[in-house]
Amino acid sequence: MGGAVRVEDESEPMSAEESLALIARQSEQVRRELRFDPARLLFVWGVAWFVGWGLVYVATVGSVVPGWVGGLVVSVLFVAAIGYSAYYGTRRNRGIRGPSRTAGGMYGWSWCVGYLALVAINVKIGKLGLSEESTSLLWTGSCLLLTGVLYLAGGAIFQDRLQYGLGVWIILAAVAGVLVGYPANFLVLALGGGGGLLAAAVTYLVLARRGQRVRGRAV
């Protein structure tokens, strides 16, 4: 009777060096997919602040841009920024478990809770008969202040000095916006707020190119 036919496996086992190289490539791919990139969100929000509030300022001081155009543009940009932030945060948190995800989720919800409370308070105060100038200073100053405080908290939680410094800058912009008065406060929002966010985004990109680890989150 015919003997058993031996079929040899043509695939050769990988060497130790090849195995380590494969593991390194897969680890790097996972790291890139799960890494939270603060520069993206800072850039999106920086553009929204810079362009949106810049148009509001132009519409306020001149007749080139109608007032309703500035209000519409800033509203659309902010809604788009909120939508992208929610999408990006959900996508990045999908593969993360443990305390890091919990801290990131709680910090993200802090922005939502803080701004909902701020809107409720400012709307109530606005009904007390404030002038247009006072109402404008109330909204711009309080929004910048809350944003700065939240960045301070994020910098402390994630041990990110750059984010903490951004929080200090935004708070200084809040004070400057109130001091310069209406309508220059909108210019402070655009340059101090939006410009600061864009500068932070560029700084994160430079650090990433130099191979320095970016630990912070930016909403």
N, C-alpha and C. Protein backbone atom coordinates (compact mmCIF):
# COMPACT_ATOMS: atom_id res chain seq x y z
N MET A 1 0.85 -1.18 0.00
CA MET A 1 0.00 0.00 0.00
C MET A 1 0.89 1.24 0.00
N GLY A 2 0.34 2.36 -0.56
CA GLY A 2 1.16 3.57 -0.63
C GLY A 2 1.40 4.15 0.74
N GLY A 3 2.61 4.63 0.97
CA GLY A 3 2.96 5.26 2.24
C GLY A 3 2.34 6.65 2.35
N ALA A 4 2.32 7.17 3.54
CA ALA A 4 1.77 8.51 3.77
C ALA A 4 2.66 9.55 3.11
N VAL A 5 2.02 10.50 2.49
CA VAL A 5 2.75 11.56 1.82
C VAL A 5 2.98 12.70 2.80
N ARG A 6 4.21 13.11 2.94
CA ARG A 6 4.56 14.17 3.89
C ARG A 6 4.55 15.52 3.16
N VAL A 7 3.73 16.40 3.66
CA VAL A 7 3.65 17.74 3.06
C VAL A 7 4.39 18.71 3.95
N GLU A 8 5.43 19.29 3.43
CA GLU A 8 6.24 20.21 4.22
C GLU A 8 5.69 21.63 4.14
N ASP A 9 5.71 22.28 5.23
CA ASP A 9 5.27 23.68 5.28
C ASP A 9 6.33 24.55 4.64
N GLU A 10 5.92 25.22 3.54
CA GLU A 10 6.87 26.03 2.81
C GLU A 10 7.20 27.34 3.52
N SER A 11 6.33 27.74 4.45
CA SER A 11 6.58 29.00 5.15
C SER A 11 7.64 28.79 6.21
N GLU A 12 8.65 29.62 6.18
CA GLU A 12 9.74 29.51 7.13
C GLU A 12 9.47 30.37 8.36
N PRO A 13 9.80 29.89 9.52
CA PRO A 13 9.60 30.71 10.73
C PRO A 13 10.47 31.96 10.69
N MET A 14 9.93 33.04 11.26
CA MET A 14 10.67 34.29 11.28
C MET A 14 11.79 34.23 12.30
N SER A 15 12.82 34.95 11.99
CA SER A 15 13.92 35.04 12.93
C SER A 15 13.54 35.95 14.09
N ALA A 16 14.38 35.96 15.10
CA ALA A 16 14.10 36.82 16.26
C ALA A 16 14.07 38.29 15.86
N GLU A 17 14.99 38.68 14.96
CA GLU A 17 15.02 40.07 14.52
C GLU A 17 13.76 40.45 13.75
N GLU A 18 13.29 39.55 12.89
CA GLU A 18 12.08 39.82 12.12
C GLU A 18 10.85 39.88 13.02
N SER A 19 10.79 39.02 14.03
CA SER A 19 9.66 39.04 14.96
C SER A 19 9.61 40.35 15.74
N LEU A 20 10.77 40.80 16.22
CA LEU A 20 10.83 42.06 16.96
C LEU A 20 10.45 43.23 16.07
N ALA A 21 10.89 43.19 14.80
CA ALA A 21 10.54 44.27 13.87
C ALA A 21 9.04 44.30 13.61
N LEU A 22 8.41 43.12 13.48
CA LEU A 22 6.96 43.06 13.25
C LEU A 22 6.20 43.59 14.45
N ILE A 23 6.66 43.20 15.65
CA ILE A 23 6.00 43.68 16.86
C ILE A 23 6.13 45.19 16.98
N ALA A 24 7.29 45.72 16.63
CA ALA A 24 7.51 47.16 16.70
C ALA A 24 6.60 47.90 15.73
N ARG A 25 6.45 47.36 14.50
CA ARG A 25 5.58 48.01 13.51
C ARG A 25 4.13 48.00 13.96
N GLN A 26 3.67 46.88 14.50
CA GLN A 26 2.29 46.79 14.95
C GLN A 26 2.04 47.70 16.15
N SER A 27 3.01 47.77 17.06
CA SER A 27 2.87 48.64 18.22
C SER A 27 2.80 50.11 17.80
N GLU A 28 3.62 50.49 16.83
CA GLU A 28 3.62 51.87 16.35
C GLU A 28 2.30 52.19 15.66
N GLN A 29 1.74 51.24 14.91
CA GLN A 29 0.46 51.46 14.26
C GLN A 29 -0.66 51.67 15.28
N VAL A 30 -0.69 50.83 16.32
CA VAL A 30 -1.69 50.98 17.38
C VAL A 30 -1.51 52.31 18.10
N ARG A 31 -0.25 52.69 18.36
CA ARG A 31 0.00 53.95 19.06
C ARG A 31 -0.51 55.15 18.25
N ARG A 32 -0.30 55.11 16.92
CA ARG A 32 -0.78 56.20 16.07
C ARG A 32 -2.30 56.26 16.04
N GLU A 33 -2.94 55.10 16.04
CA GLU A 33 -4.40 55.07 15.96
C GLU A 33 -5.06 55.54 17.25
N LEU A 34 -4.40 55.29 18.40
CA LEU A 34 -4.99 55.63 19.69
C LEU A 34 -4.50 56.94 20.26
N ARG A 35 -3.44 57.53 19.66
CA ARG A 35 -2.86 58.74 20.22
C ARG A 35 -3.82 59.91 20.08
N PHE A 36 -3.99 60.65 21.16
CA PHE A 36 -4.82 61.84 21.13
C PHE A 36 -3.96 63.01 20.68
N ASP A 37 -4.37 63.68 19.63
CA ASP A 37 -3.60 64.77 19.05
C ASP A 37 -4.25 66.10 19.41
N PRO A 38 -3.73 66.82 20.42
CA PRO A 38 -4.33 68.09 20.82
C PRO A 38 -4.31 69.13 19.70
N ALA A 39 -3.33 69.05 18.81
CA ALA A 39 -3.18 70.07 17.76
C ALA A 39 -4.42 70.13 16.88
N ARG A 40 -5.05 69.00 16.63
CA ARG A 40 -6.22 68.98 15.76
C ARG A 40 -7.37 69.81 16.33
N LEU A 41 -7.70 69.54 17.59
CA LEU A 41 -8.81 70.26 18.19
C LEU A 41 -8.47 71.72 18.42
N LEU A 42 -7.24 71.99 18.80
CA LEU A 42 -6.83 73.38 18.98
C LEU A 42 -6.92 74.15 17.67
N PHE A 43 -6.53 73.52 16.57
CA PHE A 43 -6.61 74.18 15.27
C PHE A 43 -8.06 74.45 14.87
N VAL A 44 -8.92 73.45 15.06
CA VAL A 44 -10.34 73.62 14.70
C VAL A 44 -10.96 74.76 15.50
N TRP A 45 -10.74 74.76 16.81
CA TRP A 45 -11.32 75.81 17.64
C TRP A 45 -10.63 77.15 17.41
N GLY A 46 -9.34 77.12 17.13
CA GLY A 46 -8.63 78.36 16.84
C GLY A 46 -9.19 79.05 15.60
N VAL A 47 -9.45 78.28 14.55
CA VAL A 47 -10.04 78.84 13.34
C VAL A 47 -11.44 79.39 13.62
N ALA A 48 -12.23 78.63 14.40
CA ALA A 48 -13.59 79.08 14.71
C ALA A 48 -13.56 80.41 15.46
N TRP A 49 -12.69 80.53 16.44
CA TRP A 49 -12.59 81.77 17.21
C TRP A 49 -12.03 82.91 16.37
N PHE A 50 -10.94 82.63 15.64
CA PHE A 50 -10.27 83.69 14.89
C PHE A 50 -11.15 84.23 13.77
N VAL A 51 -11.71 83.36 12.97
CA VAL A 51 -12.55 83.78 11.84
C VAL A 51 -13.90 84.30 12.33
N GLY A 52 -14.54 83.53 13.21
CA GLY A 52 -15.88 83.91 13.66
C GLY A 52 -15.93 85.23 14.40
N TRP A 53 -15.14 85.34 15.46
CA TRP A 53 -15.16 86.59 16.24
C TRP A 53 -14.49 87.73 15.48
N GLY A 54 -13.57 87.39 14.58
CA GLY A 54 -13.00 88.45 13.74
C GLY A 54 -14.06 89.09 12.85
N LEU A 55 -14.93 88.27 12.27
CA LEU A 55 -16.02 88.80 11.45
C LEU A 55 -17.02 89.60 12.29
N VAL A 56 -17.28 89.12 13.50
CA VAL A 56 -18.19 89.86 14.39
C VAL A 56 -17.62 91.24 14.68
N TYR A 57 -16.32 91.31 14.92
CA TYR A 57 -15.69 92.61 15.17
C TYR A 57 -15.78 93.52 13.96
N VAL A 58 -15.48 92.98 12.78
CA VAL A 58 -15.57 93.77 11.55
C VAL A 58 -16.99 94.26 11.33
N ALA A 59 -17.98 93.40 11.58
CA ALA A 59 -19.37 93.80 11.40
C ALA A 59 -19.79 94.86 12.41
N THR A 60 -19.18 94.84 13.59
CA THR A 60 -19.57 95.79 14.64
C THR A 60 -19.01 97.19 14.38
N VAL A 61 -17.78 97.26 13.88
CA VAL A 61 -17.13 98.57 13.72
C VAL A 61 -17.35 99.19 12.35
N GLY A 62 -17.83 98.43 11.38
CA GLY A 62 -18.01 98.98 10.03
C GLY A 62 -19.28 98.48 9.39
N SER A 63 -19.44 98.87 8.12
CA SER A 63 -20.63 98.49 7.37
C SER A 63 -20.33 97.53 6.23
N VAL A 64 -19.08 97.05 6.17
CA VAL A 64 -18.70 96.14 5.09
C VAL A 64 -19.39 94.79 5.26
N VAL A 65 -19.41 94.28 6.48
CA VAL A 65 -20.03 92.99 6.77
C VAL A 65 -21.27 93.23 7.64
N PRO A 66 -22.46 92.81 7.18
CA PRO A 66 -23.67 92.96 8.01
C PRO A 66 -23.54 92.22 9.34
N GLY A 67 -24.18 92.74 10.35
CA GLY A 67 -24.09 92.12 11.67
C GLY A 67 -24.60 90.69 11.69
N TRP A 68 -25.67 90.42 10.93
CA TRP A 68 -26.24 89.07 10.96
C TRP A 68 -25.30 88.05 10.32
N VAL A 69 -24.46 88.50 9.38
CA VAL A 69 -23.50 87.60 8.75
C VAL A 69 -22.45 87.14 9.76
N GLY A 70 -21.93 88.10 10.55
CA GLY A 70 -20.96 87.74 11.57
C GLY A 70 -21.53 86.77 12.58
N GLY A 71 -22.77 87.04 13.03
CA GLY A 71 -23.41 86.14 13.99
C GLY A 71 -23.65 84.75 13.41
N LEU A 72 -24.06 84.71 12.13
CA LEU A 72 -24.31 83.42 11.49
C LEU A 72 -23.04 82.62 11.32
N VAL A 73 -21.97 83.29 10.88
CA VAL A 73 -20.70 82.59 10.65
C VAL A 73 -20.14 82.03 11.94
N VAL A 74 -20.14 82.82 13.00
CA VAL A 74 -19.59 82.34 14.26
C VAL A 74 -20.42 81.18 14.82
N SER A 75 -21.74 81.22 14.61
CA SER A 75 -22.60 80.13 15.07
C SER A 75 -22.31 78.84 14.31
N VAL A 76 -22.19 78.94 12.98
CA VAL A 76 -21.91 77.76 12.16
C VAL A 76 -20.55 77.17 12.50
N LEU A 77 -19.55 78.04 12.66
CA LEU A 77 -18.20 77.55 12.98
C LEU A 77 -18.17 76.86 14.34
N PHE A 78 -18.88 77.41 15.32
CA PHE A 78 -18.87 76.79 16.65
C PHE A 78 -19.61 75.46 16.65
N VAL A 79 -20.72 75.38 15.92
CA VAL A 79 -21.44 74.10 15.84
C VAL A 79 -20.57 73.05 15.16
N ALA A 80 -19.88 73.45 14.09
CA ALA A 80 -18.98 72.52 13.40
C ALA A 80 -17.84 72.07 14.31
N ALA A 81 -17.28 73.00 15.09
CA ALA A 81 -16.19 72.66 16.00
C ALA A 81 -16.66 71.71 17.09
N ILE A 82 -17.86 71.94 17.61
CA ILE A 82 -18.42 71.05 18.63
C ILE A 82 -18.63 69.65 18.06
N GLY A 83 -19.18 69.58 16.85
CA GLY A 83 -19.42 68.30 16.21
C GLY A 83 -18.13 67.53 15.96
N TYR A 84 -17.10 68.22 15.47
CA TYR A 84 -15.83 67.54 15.22
C TYR A 84 -15.18 67.10 16.52
N SER A 85 -15.26 67.93 17.56
CA SER A 85 -14.68 67.57 18.86
C SER A 85 -15.33 66.31 19.41
N ALA A 86 -16.66 66.23 19.31
CA ALA A 86 -17.37 65.04 19.80
C ALA A 86 -16.98 63.80 18.99
N TYR A 87 -16.91 63.95 17.67
CA TYR A 87 -16.54 62.82 16.81
C TYR A 87 -15.12 62.35 17.10
N TYR A 88 -14.19 63.29 17.18
CA TYR A 88 -12.79 62.92 17.38
C TYR A 88 -12.57 62.31 18.76
N GLY A 89 -13.21 62.90 19.79
CA GLY A 89 -13.05 62.36 21.13
C GLY A 89 -13.62 60.96 21.25
N THR A 90 -14.79 60.71 20.64
CA THR A 90 -15.40 59.38 20.69
C THR A 90 -14.55 58.36 19.95
N ARG A 91 -14.02 58.77 18.80
CA ARG A 91 -13.19 57.86 18.01
C ARG A 91 -11.92 57.48 18.74
N ARG A 92 -11.27 58.44 19.38
CA ARG A 92 -10.02 58.15 20.06
C ARG A 92 -10.22 57.36 21.34
N ASN A 93 -11.34 57.53 22.00
CA ASN A 93 -11.59 56.82 23.26
C ASN A 93 -12.08 55.41 23.05
N ARG A 94 -12.38 55.05 21.79
CA ARG A 94 -12.98 53.75 21.51
C ARG A 94 -12.08 52.60 21.94
N GLY A 95 -10.77 52.73 21.76
CA GLY A 95 -9.86 51.63 22.08
C GLY A 95 -9.12 51.80 23.39
N ILE A 96 -9.57 52.73 24.23
CA ILE A 96 -8.86 53.01 25.47
C ILE A 96 -9.70 52.57 26.66
N ARG A 97 -9.09 51.95 27.63
CA ARG A 97 -9.78 51.51 28.84
C ARG A 97 -9.00 52.00 30.06
N GLY A 98 -9.67 52.04 31.20
CA GLY A 98 -8.99 52.33 32.44
C GLY A 98 -9.08 53.79 32.86
N PRO A 99 -8.22 54.17 33.81
CA PRO A 99 -8.26 55.52 34.39
C PRO A 99 -8.07 56.63 33.37
N SER A 100 -7.25 56.38 32.33
CA SER A 100 -7.01 57.41 31.33
C SER A 100 -8.29 57.79 30.61
N ARG A 101 -9.09 56.79 30.24
CA ARG A 101 -10.35 57.06 29.56
C ARG A 101 -11.33 57.76 30.51
N THR A 102 -11.36 57.33 31.76
CA THR A 102 -12.27 57.95 32.73
C THR A 102 -11.93 59.42 32.93
N ALA A 103 -10.63 59.72 33.12
CA ALA A 103 -10.22 61.11 33.31
C ALA A 103 -10.53 61.95 32.08
N GLY A 104 -10.25 61.40 30.89
CA GLY A 104 -10.53 62.14 29.66
C GLY A 104 -12.01 62.40 29.47
N GLY A 105 -12.84 61.38 29.77
CA GLY A 105 -14.27 61.55 29.63
C GLY A 105 -14.83 62.58 30.60
N MET A 106 -14.38 62.53 31.84
CA MET A 106 -14.84 63.50 32.84
C MET A 106 -14.41 64.91 32.48
N TYR A 107 -13.19 65.03 31.96
CA TYR A 107 -12.71 66.36 31.57
C TYR A 107 -13.51 66.90 30.38
N GLY A 108 -13.81 66.03 29.42
CA GLY A 108 -14.62 66.45 28.28
C GLY A 108 -16.01 66.91 28.69
N TRP A 109 -16.64 66.17 29.59
CA TRP A 109 -17.97 66.56 30.05
C TRP A 109 -17.93 67.83 30.89
N SER A 110 -16.79 68.14 31.50
CA SER A 110 -16.67 69.38 32.26
C SER A 110 -16.90 70.60 31.37
N TRP A 111 -16.43 70.52 30.13
CA TRP A 111 -16.66 71.62 29.19
C TRP A 111 -18.15 71.81 28.92
N CYS A 112 -18.83 70.69 28.68
CA CYS A 112 -20.26 70.75 28.38
C CYS A 112 -21.04 71.31 29.56
N VAL A 113 -20.80 70.78 30.76
CA VAL A 113 -21.51 71.22 31.96
C VAL A 113 -21.20 72.68 32.26
N GLY A 114 -19.93 73.05 32.16
CA GLY A 114 -19.53 74.42 32.46
C GLY A 114 -20.19 75.44 31.53
N TYR A 115 -20.21 75.15 30.24
CA TYR A 115 -20.78 76.11 29.30
C TYR A 115 -22.30 76.16 29.35
N LEU A 116 -22.94 75.04 29.63
CA LEU A 116 -24.39 75.07 29.81
C LEU A 116 -24.77 75.95 31.00
N ALA A 117 -24.02 75.81 32.10
CA ALA A 117 -24.28 76.64 33.27
C ALA A 117 -23.98 78.10 32.97
N LEU A 118 -22.91 78.36 32.22
CA LEU A 118 -22.56 79.74 31.89
C LEU A 118 -23.64 80.40 31.05
N VAL A 119 -24.17 79.69 30.08
CA VAL A 119 -25.23 80.24 29.24
C VAL A 119 -26.46 80.56 30.07
N ALA A 120 -26.85 79.64 30.97
CA ALA A 120 -28.02 79.86 31.80
C ALA A 120 -27.85 81.09 32.69
N ILE A 121 -26.67 81.24 33.28
CA ILE A 121 -26.41 82.38 34.17
C ILE A 121 -26.40 83.69 33.39
N ASN A 122 -25.70 83.71 32.25
CA ASN A 122 -25.59 84.94 31.47
C ASN A 122 -26.92 85.37 30.87
N VAL A 123 -27.74 84.42 30.47
CA VAL A 123 -29.07 84.76 29.95
C VAL A 123 -29.90 85.41 31.03
N LYS A 124 -29.84 84.86 32.23
CA LYS A 124 -30.59 85.43 33.35
C LYS A 124 -30.11 86.83 33.67
N ILE A 125 -28.80 87.02 33.73
CA ILE A 125 -28.25 88.34 34.03
C ILE A 125 -28.60 89.33 32.93
N GLY A 126 -28.59 88.86 31.68
CA GLY A 126 -28.90 89.73 30.56
C GLY A 126 -30.32 90.29 30.59
N LYS A 127 -31.21 89.61 31.30
CA LYS A 127 -32.60 90.07 31.41
C LYS A 127 -32.79 91.14 32.47
N LEU A 128 -31.70 91.52 33.14
CA LEU A 128 -31.80 92.53 34.19
C LEU A 128 -31.69 93.95 33.65
N GLY A 129 -31.66 94.09 32.35
CA GLY A 129 -31.64 95.42 31.75
C GLY A 129 -30.25 95.96 31.49
N LEU A 130 -29.29 95.09 31.22
CA LEU A 130 -27.94 95.55 30.92
C LEU A 130 -27.89 96.20 29.53
N SER A 131 -26.98 97.11 29.37
CA SER A 131 -26.79 97.74 28.06
C SER A 131 -26.14 96.75 27.10
N GLU A 132 -26.15 97.10 25.81
CA GLU A 132 -25.54 96.23 24.82
C GLU A 132 -24.06 96.04 25.09
N GLU A 133 -23.39 97.12 25.49
CA GLU A 133 -21.96 97.04 25.78
C GLU A 133 -21.69 96.14 26.98
N SER A 134 -22.48 96.30 28.04
CA SER A 134 -22.28 95.49 29.24
C SER A 134 -22.57 94.02 28.97
N THR A 135 -23.61 93.75 28.20
CA THR A 135 -23.95 92.37 27.86
C THR A 135 -22.83 91.71 27.05
N SER A 136 -22.27 92.47 26.11
CA SER A 136 -21.18 91.95 25.30
C SER A 136 -19.96 91.62 26.16
N LEU A 137 -19.61 92.53 27.07
CA LEU A 137 -18.46 92.29 27.94
C LEU A 137 -18.71 91.10 28.87
N LEU A 138 -19.94 90.95 29.33
CA LEU A 138 -20.29 89.83 30.20
C LEU A 138 -20.06 88.51 29.49
N TRP A 139 -20.57 88.40 28.26
CA TRP A 139 -20.46 87.14 27.54
C TRP A 139 -19.02 86.83 27.14
N THR A 140 -18.35 87.80 26.54
CA THR A 140 -16.99 87.53 26.07
C THR A 140 -16.03 87.29 27.24
N GLY A 141 -16.14 88.10 28.28
CA GLY A 141 -15.26 87.93 29.43
C GLY A 141 -15.47 86.61 30.14
N SER A 142 -16.72 86.24 30.37
CA SER A 142 -17.00 85.00 31.10
C SER A 142 -16.65 83.77 30.27
N CYS A 143 -16.88 83.83 28.96
CA CYS A 143 -16.53 82.69 28.10
C CYS A 143 -15.01 82.47 28.08
N LEU A 144 -14.27 83.55 27.94
CA LEU A 144 -12.81 83.42 27.96
C LEU A 144 -12.32 82.93 29.32
N LEU A 145 -12.90 83.45 30.39
CA LEU A 145 -12.48 83.05 31.73
C LEU A 145 -12.73 81.56 31.96
N LEU A 146 -13.92 81.07 31.60
CA LEU A 146 -14.23 79.66 31.79
C LEU A 146 -13.31 78.79 30.93
N THR A 147 -13.07 79.21 29.69
CA THR A 147 -12.18 78.45 28.82
C THR A 147 -10.78 78.37 29.42
N GLY A 148 -10.28 79.49 29.92
CA GLY A 148 -8.95 79.49 30.52
C GLY A 148 -8.86 78.59 31.74
N VAL A 149 -9.87 78.65 32.61
CA VAL A 149 -9.87 77.81 33.81
C VAL A 149 -9.90 76.33 33.44
N LEU A 150 -10.68 75.97 32.42
CA LEU A 150 -10.75 74.57 32.00
C LEU A 150 -9.42 74.10 31.42
N TYR A 151 -8.74 74.98 30.71
CA TYR A 151 -7.41 74.61 30.21
C TYR A 151 -6.41 74.48 31.36
N LEU A 152 -6.54 75.31 32.37
CA LEU A 152 -5.70 75.15 33.56
C LEU A 152 -5.94 73.78 34.20
N ALA A 153 -7.21 73.40 34.31
CA ALA A 153 -7.54 72.10 34.89
C ALA A 153 -6.99 70.96 34.04
N GLY A 154 -7.13 71.09 32.71
CA GLY A 154 -6.61 70.05 31.83
C GLY A 154 -5.10 69.93 31.93
N GLY A 155 -4.42 71.07 32.01
CA GLY A 155 -2.98 71.02 32.16
C GLY A 155 -2.55 70.35 33.45
N ALA A 156 -3.30 70.60 34.53
CA ALA A 156 -2.97 69.98 35.81
C ALA A 156 -3.28 68.48 35.81
N ILE A 157 -4.41 68.10 35.22
CA ILE A 157 -4.82 66.69 35.22
C ILE A 157 -3.86 65.84 34.40
N PHE A 158 -3.53 66.34 33.19
CA PHE A 158 -2.70 65.55 32.27
C PHE A 158 -1.22 65.94 32.33
N GLN A 159 -0.86 66.80 33.32
CA GLN A 159 0.53 67.21 33.51
C GLN A 159 1.11 67.77 32.22
N ASP A 160 0.36 68.66 31.61
CA ASP A 160 0.73 69.27 30.33
C ASP A 160 0.99 70.76 30.56
N ARG A 161 2.25 71.15 30.57
CA ARG A 161 2.61 72.54 30.84
C ARG A 161 2.14 73.48 29.74
N LEU A 162 2.17 72.99 28.51
CA LEU A 162 1.74 73.83 27.40
C LEU A 162 0.25 74.17 27.53
N GLN A 163 -0.56 73.17 27.86
CA GLN A 163 -1.99 73.42 28.03
C GLN A 163 -2.24 74.33 29.23
N TYR A 164 -1.47 74.15 30.28
CA TYR A 164 -1.61 75.02 31.45
C TYR A 164 -1.24 76.46 31.09
N GLY A 165 -0.17 76.62 30.32
CA GLY A 165 0.21 77.96 29.88
C GLY A 165 -0.83 78.59 28.99
N LEU A 166 -1.48 77.77 28.15
CA LEU A 166 -2.57 78.27 27.31
C LEU A 166 -3.71 78.78 28.18
N GLY A 167 -3.99 78.07 29.27
CA GLY A 167 -5.04 78.53 30.18
C GLY A 167 -4.72 79.88 30.79
N VAL A 168 -3.47 80.08 31.17
CA VAL A 168 -3.06 81.38 31.71
C VAL A 168 -3.24 82.47 30.66
N TRP A 169 -2.84 82.18 29.42
CA TRP A 169 -2.97 83.16 28.35
C TRP A 169 -4.42 83.54 28.09
N ILE A 170 -5.30 82.54 28.07
CA ILE A 170 -6.72 82.80 27.81
C ILE A 170 -7.33 83.63 28.93
N ILE A 171 -6.92 83.38 30.17
CA ILE A 171 -7.44 84.17 31.29
C ILE A 171 -6.97 85.62 31.18
N LEU A 172 -5.71 85.82 30.80
CA LEU A 172 -5.22 87.18 30.58
C LEU A 172 -6.01 87.87 29.46
N ALA A 173 -6.36 87.12 28.43
CA ALA A 173 -7.17 87.67 27.35
C ALA A 173 -8.56 88.05 27.84
N ALA A 174 -9.10 87.28 28.78
CA ALA A 174 -10.41 87.61 29.36
C ALA A 174 -10.36 88.95 30.07
N VAL A 175 -9.30 89.17 30.85
CA VAL A 175 -9.14 90.44 31.55
C VAL A 175 -8.95 91.58 30.56
N ALA A 176 -8.11 91.34 29.54
CA ALA A 176 -7.85 92.37 28.54
C ALA A 176 -9.11 92.73 27.77
N GLY A 177 -9.94 91.74 27.46
CA GLY A 177 -11.17 92.01 26.72
C GLY A 177 -12.12 92.92 27.48
N VAL A 178 -12.20 92.72 28.78
CA VAL A 178 -13.07 93.58 29.59
C VAL A 178 -12.48 94.98 29.72
N LEU A 179 -11.16 95.06 29.84
CA LEU A 179 -10.52 96.36 30.02
C LEU A 179 -10.61 97.23 28.77
N VAL A 180 -10.47 96.63 27.58
CA VAL A 180 -10.52 97.43 26.35
C VAL A 180 -11.94 97.87 26.02
N GLY A 181 -12.93 97.15 26.54
CA GLY A 181 -14.31 97.55 26.33
C GLY A 181 -14.87 97.11 24.99
N TYR A 182 -16.10 97.56 24.75
CA TYR A 182 -16.84 97.20 23.53
C TYR A 182 -16.57 98.22 22.45
N PRO A 183 -16.36 97.83 21.18
CA PRO A 183 -16.43 96.48 20.59
C PRO A 183 -15.06 95.80 20.45
N ALA A 184 -14.00 96.43 21.01
CA ALA A 184 -12.65 95.85 20.87
C ALA A 184 -12.55 94.50 21.55
N ASN A 185 -13.49 94.18 22.44
CA ASN A 185 -13.45 92.88 23.11
C ASN A 185 -13.58 91.73 22.11
N PHE A 186 -14.30 91.97 21.01
CA PHE A 186 -14.41 90.94 19.98
C PHE A 186 -13.06 90.71 19.29
N LEU A 187 -12.30 91.76 19.13
CA LEU A 187 -10.97 91.64 18.54
C LEU A 187 -10.05 90.84 19.47
N VAL A 188 -10.19 91.06 20.77
CA VAL A 188 -9.41 90.29 21.74
C VAL A 188 -9.80 88.81 21.67
N LEU A 189 -11.10 88.54 21.49
CA LEU A 189 -11.55 87.16 21.34
C LEU A 189 -10.89 86.50 20.13
N ALA A 190 -10.83 87.25 19.02
CA ALA A 190 -10.28 86.70 17.79
C ALA A 190 -8.77 86.51 17.88
N LEU A 191 -8.07 87.56 18.30
CA LEU A 191 -6.61 87.52 18.32
C LEU A 191 -6.06 86.82 19.57
N GLY A 192 -6.56 87.23 20.74
CA GLY A 192 -6.08 86.62 21.97
C GLY A 192 -6.56 85.19 22.14
N GLY A 193 -7.87 84.98 21.92
CA GLY A 193 -8.42 83.64 22.07
C GLY A 193 -8.07 82.73 20.91
N GLY A 194 -8.55 83.10 19.71
CA GLY A 194 -8.28 82.28 18.53
C GLY A 194 -6.81 82.20 18.20
N GLY A 195 -6.11 83.33 18.28
CA GLY A 195 -4.68 83.33 18.01
C GLY A 195 -3.91 82.47 18.99
N GLY A 196 -4.29 82.51 20.26
CA GLY A 196 -3.63 81.68 21.26
C GLY A 196 -3.84 80.19 21.00
N LEU A 197 -5.05 79.81 20.60
CA LEU A 197 -5.33 78.41 20.29
C LEU A 197 -4.52 77.94 19.08
N LEU A 198 -4.44 78.79 18.05
CA LEU A 198 -3.66 78.42 16.86
C LEU A 198 -2.18 78.32 17.19
N ALA A 199 -1.68 79.24 18.01
CA ALA A 199 -0.27 79.18 18.41
C ALA A 199 0.03 77.91 19.19
N ALA A 200 -0.89 77.51 20.06
CA ALA A 200 -0.71 76.27 20.82
C ALA A 200 -0.73 75.06 19.89
N ALA A 201 -1.61 75.08 18.89
CA ALA A 201 -1.67 73.97 17.92
C ALA A 201 -0.35 73.82 17.18
N VAL A 202 0.21 74.94 16.73
CA VAL A 202 1.49 74.91 16.03
C VAL A 202 2.59 74.39 16.95
N THR A 203 2.57 74.81 18.21
CA THR A 203 3.58 74.35 19.16
C THR A 203 3.51 72.85 19.38
N TYR A 204 2.29 72.30 19.50
CA TYR A 204 2.13 70.86 19.64
C TYR A 204 2.69 70.13 18.41
N LEU A 205 2.44 70.67 17.22
CA LEU A 205 2.96 70.04 16.00
C LEU A 205 4.49 70.04 15.99
N VAL A 206 5.08 71.14 16.41
CA VAL A 206 6.54 71.22 16.46
C VAL A 206 7.10 70.19 17.45
N LEU A 207 6.46 70.09 18.61
CA LEU A 207 6.91 69.12 19.61
C LEU A 207 6.78 67.69 19.08
N ALA A 208 5.68 67.41 18.36
CA ALA A 208 5.48 66.07 17.80
C ALA A 208 6.54 65.74 16.76
N ARG A 209 6.91 66.72 15.95
CA ARG A 209 7.94 66.49 14.93
C ARG A 209 9.31 66.25 15.57
N ARG A 210 9.53 66.85 16.72
CA ARG A 210 10.81 66.64 17.42
C ARG A 210 10.82 65.35 18.22
N GLY A 211 9.68 64.64 18.21
CA GLY A 211 9.63 63.35 18.89
C GLY A 211 9.33 63.44 20.35
N GLN A 212 8.90 64.59 20.83
CA GLN A 212 8.57 64.73 22.24
C GLN A 212 7.15 64.25 22.46
N ARG A 213 6.94 63.58 23.55
CA ARG A 213 5.64 63.00 23.86
C ARG A 213 4.65 64.08 24.21
N VAL A 214 3.46 63.98 23.63
CA VAL A 214 2.37 64.92 23.94
C VAL A 214 1.35 64.18 24.77
N ARG A 215 1.18 64.62 26.00
CA ARG A 215 0.30 63.89 26.93
C ARG A 215 -1.06 64.55 27.12
N GLY A 216 -1.17 65.81 26.75
CA GLY A 216 -2.36 66.55 27.09
C GLY A 216 -3.53 66.30 26.19
N ARG A 217 -4.69 66.73 26.67
CA ARG A 217 -5.90 66.75 25.88
C ARG A 217 -6.33 68.20 25.75
N ALA A 218 -6.89 68.52 24.61
CA ALA A 218 -7.42 69.86 24.40
C ALA A 218 -8.78 69.74 23.75
N VAL A 219 -9.79 70.39 24.34
CA VAL A 219 -11.14 70.29 23.83
C VAL A 219 -11.50 71.53 23.06
